Amino acid sequence: VVDQILDEIRSIRDHQDRSNPNGGGGGFTL
């Protein structure tokens, strides 16, 4: 279960990186 939660978080982080190559990290938006 933890692995699947982490996969979901990584997927969102990857999208952050693609949308904002110079930023990302920190908290998540609503």
ModelCIF file with pLDDT and N, C-alpha, C, O atoms, coordinates in Angstrom:
data_MODEL
#
_entry.id   MODEL 
#
_entity.id                         1 
_entity.type                       polymer 
_entity.pdbx_number_of_molecules   1 
#
_entity_poly.entity_id                      1 
_entity_poly.type                           'polypeptide(L)' 
_entity_poly.nstd_linkage                   no 
_entity_poly.nstd_monomer                   no 
_entity_poly.pdbx_seq_one_letter_code       VVDQILDEIRSIRDHQDRSNPNGGGGGFTL 
_entity_poly.pdbx_seq_one_letter_code_can   VVDQILDEIRSIRDHQDRSNPNGGGGGFTL 
_entity_poly.pdbx_strand_id                 A 
#
loop_
_entity_poly_seq.entity_id 
_entity_poly_seq.num 
_entity_poly_seq.mon_id 
_entity_poly_seq.hetero 
1 1  VAL n 
1 2  VAL n 
1 3  ASP n 
1 4  GLN n 
1 5  ILE n 
1 6  LEU n 
1 7  ASP n 
1 8  GLU n 
1 9  ILE n 
1 10 ARG n 
1 11 SER n 
1 12 ILE n 
1 13 ARG n 
1 14 ASP n 
1 15 HIS n 
1 16 GLN n 
1 17 ASP n 
1 18 ARG n 
1 19 SER n 
1 20 ASN n 
1 21 PRO n 
1 22 ASN n 
1 23 GLY n 
1 24 GLY n 
1 25 GLY n 
1 26 GLY n 
1 27 GLY n 
1 28 PHE n 
1 29 THR n 
1 30 LEU n 
#
_struct_asym.id          A 
_struct_asym.entity_id   1 
#
loop_
_ma_qa_metric.id 
_ma_qa_metric.mode 
_ma_qa_metric.name 
_ma_qa_metric.software_group_id 
_ma_qa_metric.type 
1 global pLDDT . pLDDT 
2 local  pLDDT . pLDDT 
#
_ma_qa_metric_global.metric_id      1 
_ma_qa_metric_global.metric_value   83.93 
_ma_qa_metric_global.model_id       1 
_ma_qa_metric_global.ordinal_id     1 
#
loop_
_ma_qa_metric_local.label_asym_id 
_ma_qa_metric_local.label_comp_id 
_ma_qa_metric_local.label_seq_id 
_ma_qa_metric_local.metric_id 
_ma_qa_metric_local.metric_value 
_ma_qa_metric_local.model_id 
_ma_qa_metric_local.ordinal_id 
A VAL 1  2 97.00 1 1  
A VAL 2  2 97.00 1 2  
A ASP 3  2 97.00 1 3  
A GLN 4  2 97.00 1 4  
A ILE 5  2 98.00 1 5  
A LEU 6  2 97.00 1 6  
A ASP 7  2 96.00 1 7  
A GLU 8  2 97.00 1 8  
A ILE 9  2 96.00 1 9  
A ARG 10 2 94.00 1 10 
A SER 11 2 94.00 1 11 
A ILE 12 2 93.00 1 12 
A ARG 13 2 91.00 1 13 
A ASP 14 2 89.00 1 14 
A HIS 15 2 83.00 1 15 
A GLN 16 2 79.00 1 16 
A ASP 17 2 73.00 1 17 
A ARG 18 2 74.00 1 18 
A SER 19 2 72.00 1 19 
A ASN 20 2 70.00 1 20 
A PRO 21 2 64.00 1 21 
A ASN 22 2 59.00 1 22 
A GLY 23 2 56.00 1 23 
A GLY 24 2 58.00 1 24 
A GLY 25 2 64.00 1 25 
A GLY 26 2 77.00 1 26 
A GLY 27 2 83.00 1 27 
A PHE 28 2 91.00 1 28 
A THR 29 2 91.00 1 29 
A LEU 30 2 91.00 1 30 
#
loop_
_atom_site.group_PDB 
_atom_site.id 
_atom_site.type_symbol 
_atom_site.label_atom_id 
_atom_site.label_alt_id 
_atom_site.label_comp_id 
_atom_site.label_asym_id 
_atom_site.label_entity_id 
_atom_site.label_seq_id 
_atom_site.pdbx_PDB_ins_code 
_atom_site.Cartn_x 
_atom_site.Cartn_y 
_atom_site.Cartn_z 
_atom_site.occupancy 
_atom_site.B_iso_or_equiv 
_atom_site.pdbx_formal_charge 
_atom_site.auth_seq_id 
_atom_site.auth_comp_id 
_atom_site.auth_asym_id 
_atom_site.auth_atom_id 
_atom_site.pdbx_PDB_model_num 
ATOM 1   N N  . VAL A 1 1  ? 0.833  -1.198 0.000   1.00 97.00 ? 1  VAL A N  1 
ATOM 2   C CA . VAL A 1 1  ? 0.000  0.000  0.000   1.00 97.00 ? 1  VAL A CA 1 
ATOM 3   C C  . VAL A 1 1  ? 0.873  1.256  0.000   1.00 97.00 ? 1  VAL A C  1 
ATOM 4   O O  . VAL A 1 1  ? 0.604  2.210  -0.730  1.00 97.00 ? 1  VAL A O  1 
ATOM 5   N N  . VAL A 1 2  ? 1.931  1.244  0.834   1.00 97.00 ? 2  VAL A N  1 
ATOM 6   C CA . VAL A 1 2  ? 2.853  2.380  0.878   1.00 97.00 ? 2  VAL A CA 1 
ATOM 7   C C  . VAL A 1 2  ? 3.482  2.606  -0.495  1.00 97.00 ? 2  VAL A C  1 
ATOM 8   O O  . VAL A 1 2  ? 3.614  3.748  -0.934  1.00 97.00 ? 2  VAL A O  1 
ATOM 9   N N  . ASP A 1 3  ? 3.871  1.527  -1.176  1.00 97.00 ? 3  ASP A N  1 
ATOM 10  C CA . ASP A 1 3  ? 4.482  1.651  -2.505  1.00 97.00 ? 3  ASP A CA 1 
ATOM 11  C C  . ASP A 1 3  ? 3.529  2.307  -3.500  1.00 97.00 ? 3  ASP A C  1 
ATOM 12  O O  . ASP A 1 3  ? 3.944  3.131  -4.315  1.00 97.00 ? 3  ASP A O  1 
ATOM 13  N N  . GLN A 1 4  ? 2.261  1.942  -3.431  1.00 97.00 ? 4  GLN A N  1 
ATOM 14  C CA . GLN A 1 4  ? 1.302  2.532  -4.376  1.00 97.00 ? 4  GLN A CA 1 
ATOM 15  C C  . GLN A 1 4  ? 1.042  4.006  -4.057  1.00 97.00 ? 4  GLN A C  1 
ATOM 16  O O  . GLN A 1 4  ? 0.829  4.808  -4.966  1.00 97.00 ? 4  GLN A O  1 
ATOM 17  N N  . ILE A 1 5  ? 1.059  4.362  -2.780  1.00 98.00 ? 5  ILE A N  1 
ATOM 18  C CA . ILE A 1 5  ? 0.928  5.775  -2.416  1.00 98.00 ? 5  ILE A CA 1 
ATOM 19  C C  . ILE A 1 5  ? 2.124  6.556  -2.942  1.00 98.00 ? 5  ILE A C  1 
ATOM 20  O O  . ILE A 1 5  ? 1.969  7.650  -3.485  1.00 98.00 ? 5  ILE A O  1 
ATOM 21  N N  . LEU A 1 6  ? 3.320  5.990  -2.778  1.00 97.00 ? 6  LEU A N  1 
ATOM 22  C CA . LEU A 1 6  ? 4.533  6.660  -3.259  1.00 97.00 ? 6  LEU A CA 1 
ATOM 23  C C  . LEU A 1 6  ? 4.528  6.787  -4.778  1.00 97.00 ? 6  LEU A C  1 
ATOM 24  O O  . LEU A 1 6  ? 4.970  7.804  -5.313  1.00 97.00 ? 6  LEU A O  1 
ATOM 25  N N  . ASP A 1 7  ? 4.039  5.778  -5.472  1.00 96.00 ? 7  ASP A N  1 
ATOM 26  C CA . ASP A 1 7  ? 3.938  5.858  -6.939  1.00 96.00 ? 7  ASP A CA 1 
ATOM 27  C C  . ASP A 1 7  ? 3.030  7.023  -7.344  1.00 96.00 ? 7  ASP A C  1 
ATOM 28  O O  . ASP A 1 7  ? 3.320  7.746  -8.296  1.00 96.00 ? 7  ASP A O  1 
ATOM 29  N N  . GLU A 1 8  ? 1.945  7.190  -6.618  1.00 97.00 ? 8  GLU A N  1 
ATOM 30  C CA . GLU A 1 8  ? 1.016  8.270  -6.919  1.00 97.00 ? 8  GLU A CA 1 
ATOM 31  C C  . GLU A 1 8  ? 1.669  9.632  -6.669  1.00 97.00 ? 8  GLU A C  1 
ATOM 32  O O  . GLU A 1 8  ? 1.489  10.565 -7.452  1.00 97.00 ? 8  GLU A O  1 
ATOM 33  N N  . ILE A 1 9  ? 2.424  9.739  -5.578  1.00 96.00 ? 9  ILE A N  1 
ATOM 34  C CA . ILE A 1 9  ? 3.115  10.997 -5.267  1.00 96.00 ? 9  ILE A CA 1 
ATOM 35  C C  . ILE A 1 9  ? 4.160  11.299 -6.333  1.00 96.00 ? 9  ILE A C  1 
ATOM 36  O O  . ILE A 1 9  ? 4.278  12.440 -6.779  1.00 96.00 ? 9  ILE A O  1 
ATOM 37  N N  . ARG A 1 10 ? 4.924  10.281 -6.748  1.00 94.00 ? 10 ARG A N  1 
ATOM 38  C CA . ARG A 1 10 ? 5.950  10.488 -7.775  1.00 94.00 ? 10 ARG A CA 1 
ATOM 39  C C  . ARG A 1 10 ? 5.333  10.947 -9.091  1.00 94.00 ? 10 ARG A C  1 
ATOM 40  O O  . ARG A 1 10 ? 5.888  11.802 -9.781  1.00 94.00 ? 10 ARG A O  1 
ATOM 41  N N  . SER A 1 11 ? 4.191  10.378 -9.430  1.00 94.00 ? 11 SER A N  1 
ATOM 42  C CA . SER A 1 11 ? 3.528  10.760 -10.670 1.00 94.00 ? 11 SER A CA 1 
ATOM 43  C C  . SER A 1 11 ? 3.170  12.250 -10.659 1.00 94.00 ? 11 SER A C  1 
ATOM 44  O O  . SER A 1 11 ? 3.326  12.944 -11.664 1.00 94.00 ? 11 SER A O  1 
ATOM 45  N N  . ILE A 1 12 ? 2.691  12.725 -9.517  1.00 93.00 ? 12 ILE A N  1 
ATOM 46  C CA . ILE A 1 12 ? 2.340  14.138 -9.402  1.00 93.00 ? 12 ILE A CA 1 
ATOM 47  C C  . ILE A 1 12 ? 3.589  15.009 -9.402  1.00 93.00 ? 12 ILE A C  1 
ATOM 48  O O  . ILE A 1 12 ? 3.588  16.087 -9.996  1.00 93.00 ? 12 ILE A O  1 
ATOM 49  N N  . ARG A 1 13 ? 4.652  14.558 -8.746  1.00 91.00 ? 13 ARG A N  1 
ATOM 50  C CA . ARG A 1 13 ? 5.915  15.304 -8.755  1.00 91.00 ? 13 ARG A CA 1 
ATOM 51  C C  . ARG A 1 13 ? 6.485  15.382 -10.181 1.00 91.00 ? 13 ARG A C  1 
ATOM 52  O O  . ARG A 1 13 ? 7.018  16.414 -10.587 1.00 91.00 ? 13 ARG A O  1 
ATOM 53  N N  . ASP A 1 14 ? 6.369  14.297 -10.919 1.00 89.00 ? 14 ASP A N  1 
ATOM 54  C CA . ASP A 1 14 ? 6.855  14.302 -12.305 1.00 89.00 ? 14 ASP A CA 1 
ATOM 55  C C  . ASP A 1 14 ? 6.097  15.334 -13.134 1.00 89.00 ? 14 ASP A C  1 
ATOM 56  O O  . ASP A 1 14 ? 6.677  16.031 -13.966 1.00 89.00 ? 14 ASP A O  1 
ATOM 57  N N  . HIS A 1 15 ? 4.802  15.417 -12.893 1.00 83.00 ? 15 HIS A N  1 
ATOM 58  C CA . HIS A 1 15 ? 4.002  16.406 -13.617 1.00 83.00 ? 15 HIS A CA 1 
ATOM 59  C C  . HIS A 1 15 ? 4.410  17.815 -13.217 1.00 83.00 ? 15 HIS A C  1 
ATOM 60  O O  . HIS A 1 15 ? 4.455  18.712 -14.059 1.00 83.00 ? 15 HIS A O  1 
ATOM 61  N N  . GLN A 1 16 ? 4.711  18.017 -11.928 1.00 79.00 ? 16 GLN A N  1 
ATOM 62  C CA . GLN A 1 16 ? 5.200  19.319 -11.467 1.00 79.00 ? 16 GLN A CA 1 
ATOM 63  C C  . GLN A 1 16 ? 6.484  19.701 -12.199 1.00 79.00 ? 16 GLN A C  1 
ATOM 64  O O  . GLN A 1 16 ? 6.639  20.831 -12.662 1.00 79.00 ? 16 GLN A O  1 
ATOM 65  N N  . ASP A 1 17 ? 7.400  18.738 -12.294 1.00 73.00 ? 17 ASP A N  1 
ATOM 66  C CA . ASP A 1 17 ? 8.693  19.009 -12.927 1.00 73.00 ? 17 ASP A CA 1 
ATOM 67  C C  . ASP A 1 17 ? 8.528  19.371 -14.397 1.00 73.00 ? 17 ASP A C  1 
ATOM 68  O O  . ASP A 1 17 ? 9.226  20.246 -14.909 1.00 73.00 ? 17 ASP A O  1 
ATOM 69  N N  . ARG A 1 18 ? 7.595  18.688 -15.079 1.00 74.00 ? 18 ARG A N  1 
ATOM 70  C CA . ARG A 1 18 ? 7.366  18.993 -16.487 1.00 74.00 ? 18 ARG A CA 1 
ATOM 71  C C  . ARG A 1 18 ? 6.715  20.365 -16.662 1.00 74.00 ? 18 ARG A C  1 
ATOM 72  O O  . ARG A 1 18 ? 7.008  21.081 -17.620 1.00 74.00 ? 18 ARG A O  1 
ATOM 73  N N  . SER A 1 19 ? 5.839  20.722 -15.740 1.00 72.00 ? 19 SER A N  1 
ATOM 74  C CA . SER A 1 19 ? 5.134  21.996 -15.835 1.00 72.00 ? 19 SER A CA 1 
ATOM 75  C C  . SER A 1 19 ? 5.992  23.168 -15.405 1.00 72.00 ? 19 SER A C  1 
ATOM 76  O O  . SER A 1 19 ? 5.835  24.284 -15.898 1.00 72.00 ? 19 SER A O  1 
ATOM 77  N N  . ASN A 1 20 ? 6.909  22.900 -14.474 1.00 70.00 ? 20 ASN A N  1 
ATOM 78  C CA . ASN A 1 20 ? 7.733  23.972 -13.917 1.00 70.00 ? 20 ASN A CA 1 
ATOM 79  C C  . ASN A 1 20 ? 9.154  23.458 -13.702 1.00 70.00 ? 20 ASN A C  1 
ATOM 80  O O  . ASN A 1 20 ? 9.516  23.107 -12.579 1.00 70.00 ? 20 ASN A O  1 
ATOM 81  N N  . PRO A 1 21 ? 9.962  23.408 -14.756 1.00 64.00 ? 21 PRO A N  1 
ATOM 82  C CA . PRO A 1 21 ? 11.306 22.831 -14.654 1.00 64.00 ? 21 PRO A CA 1 
ATOM 83  C C  . PRO A 1 21 ? 12.193 23.532 -13.633 1.00 64.00 ? 21 PRO A C  1 
ATOM 84  O O  . PRO A 1 21 ? 13.119 22.920 -13.101 1.00 64.00 ? 21 PRO A O  1 
ATOM 85  N N  . ASN A 1 22 ? 11.931 24.790 -13.353 1.00 59.00 ? 22 ASN A N  1 
ATOM 86  C CA . ASN A 1 22 ? 12.787 25.550 -12.435 1.00 59.00 ? 22 ASN A CA 1 
ATOM 87  C C  . ASN A 1 22 ? 12.275 25.556 -10.992 1.00 59.00 ? 22 ASN A C  1 
ATOM 88  O O  . ASN A 1 22 ? 12.909 26.144 -10.116 1.00 59.00 ? 22 ASN A O  1 
ATOM 89  N N  . GLY A 1 23 ? 11.142 24.911 -10.741 1.00 56.00 ? 23 GLY A N  1 
ATOM 90  C CA . GLY A 1 23 ? 10.559 24.941 -9.395  1.00 56.00 ? 23 GLY A CA 1 
ATOM 91  C C  . GLY A 1 23 ? 10.189 23.546 -8.944  1.00 56.00 ? 23 GLY A C  1 
ATOM 92  O O  . GLY A 1 23 ? 10.946 22.595 -9.142  1.00 56.00 ? 23 GLY A O  1 
ATOM 93  N N  . GLY A 1 24 ? 9.015  23.427 -8.333  1.00 58.00 ? 24 GLY A N  1 
ATOM 94  C CA . GLY A 1 24 ? 8.569  22.126 -7.844  1.00 58.00 ? 24 GLY A CA 1 
ATOM 95  C C  . GLY A 1 24 ? 8.997  21.891 -6.412  1.00 58.00 ? 24 GLY A C  1 
ATOM 96  O O  . GLY A 1 24 ? 9.644  22.732 -5.787  1.00 58.00 ? 24 GLY A O  1 
ATOM 97  N N  . GLY A 1 25 ? 8.617  20.722 -5.903  1.00 64.00 ? 25 GLY A N  1 
ATOM 98  C CA . GLY A 1 25 ? 8.924  20.403 -4.520  1.00 64.00 ? 25 GLY A CA 1 
ATOM 99  C C  . GLY A 1 25 ? 7.977  21.124 -3.582  1.00 64.00 ? 25 GLY A C  1 
ATOM 100 O O  . GLY A 1 25 ? 7.020  21.760 -4.024  1.00 64.00 ? 25 GLY A O  1 
ATOM 101 N N  . GLY A 1 26 ? 8.237  21.029 -2.309  1.00 77.00 ? 26 GLY A N  1 
ATOM 102 C CA . GLY A 1 26 ? 7.389  21.681 -1.328  1.00 77.00 ? 26 GLY A CA 1 
ATOM 103 C C  . GLY A 1 26 ? 6.053  20.983 -1.195  1.00 77.00 ? 26 GLY A C  1 
ATOM 104 O O  . GLY A 1 26 ? 5.928  19.799 -1.510  1.00 77.00 ? 26 GLY A O  1 
ATOM 105 N N  . GLY A 1 27 ? 5.045  21.723 -0.723  1.00 83.00 ? 27 GLY A N  1 
ATOM 106 C CA . GLY A 1 27 ? 3.734  21.137 -0.531  1.00 83.00 ? 27 GLY A CA 1 
ATOM 107 C C  . GLY A 1 27 ? 2.973  20.963 -1.826  1.00 83.00 ? 27 GLY A C  1 
ATOM 108 O O  . GLY A 1 27 ? 3.423  21.389 -2.890  1.00 83.00 ? 27 GLY A O  1 
ATOM 109 N N  . PHE A 1 28 ? 1.819  20.336 -1.727  1.00 91.00 ? 28 PHE A N  1 
ATOM 110 C CA . PHE A 1 28 ? 0.980  20.092 -2.890  1.00 91.00 ? 28 PHE A CA 1 
ATOM 111 C C  . PHE A 1 28 ? -0.178 21.089 -2.902  1.00 91.00 ? 28 PHE A C  1 
ATOM 112 O O  . PHE A 1 28 ? -0.615 21.568 -1.856  1.00 91.00 ? 28 PHE A O  1 
ATOM 113 N N  . THR A 1 29 ? -0.657 21.385 -4.088  1.00 91.00 ? 29 THR A N  1 
ATOM 114 C CA . THR A 1 29 ? -1.812 22.274 -4.224  1.00 91.00 ? 29 THR A CA 1 
ATOM 115 C C  . THR A 1 29 ? -3.090 21.494 -3.925  1.00 91.00 ? 29 THR A C  1 
ATOM 116 O O  . THR A 1 29 ? -3.075 20.267 -3.825  1.00 91.00 ? 29 THR A O  1 
ATOM 117 N N  . LEU A 1 30 ? -4.198 22.226 -3.786  1.00 91.00 ? 30 LEU A N  1 
ATOM 118 C CA . LEU A 1 30 ? -5.489 21.574 -3.576  1.00 91.00 ? 30 LEU A CA 1 
ATOM 119 C C  . LEU A 1 30 ? -5.815 20.619 -4.718  1.00 91.00 ? 30 LEU A C  1 
ATOM 120 O O  . LEU A 1 30 ? -6.868 19.981 -4.708  1.00 91.00 ? 30 LEU A O  1 
#
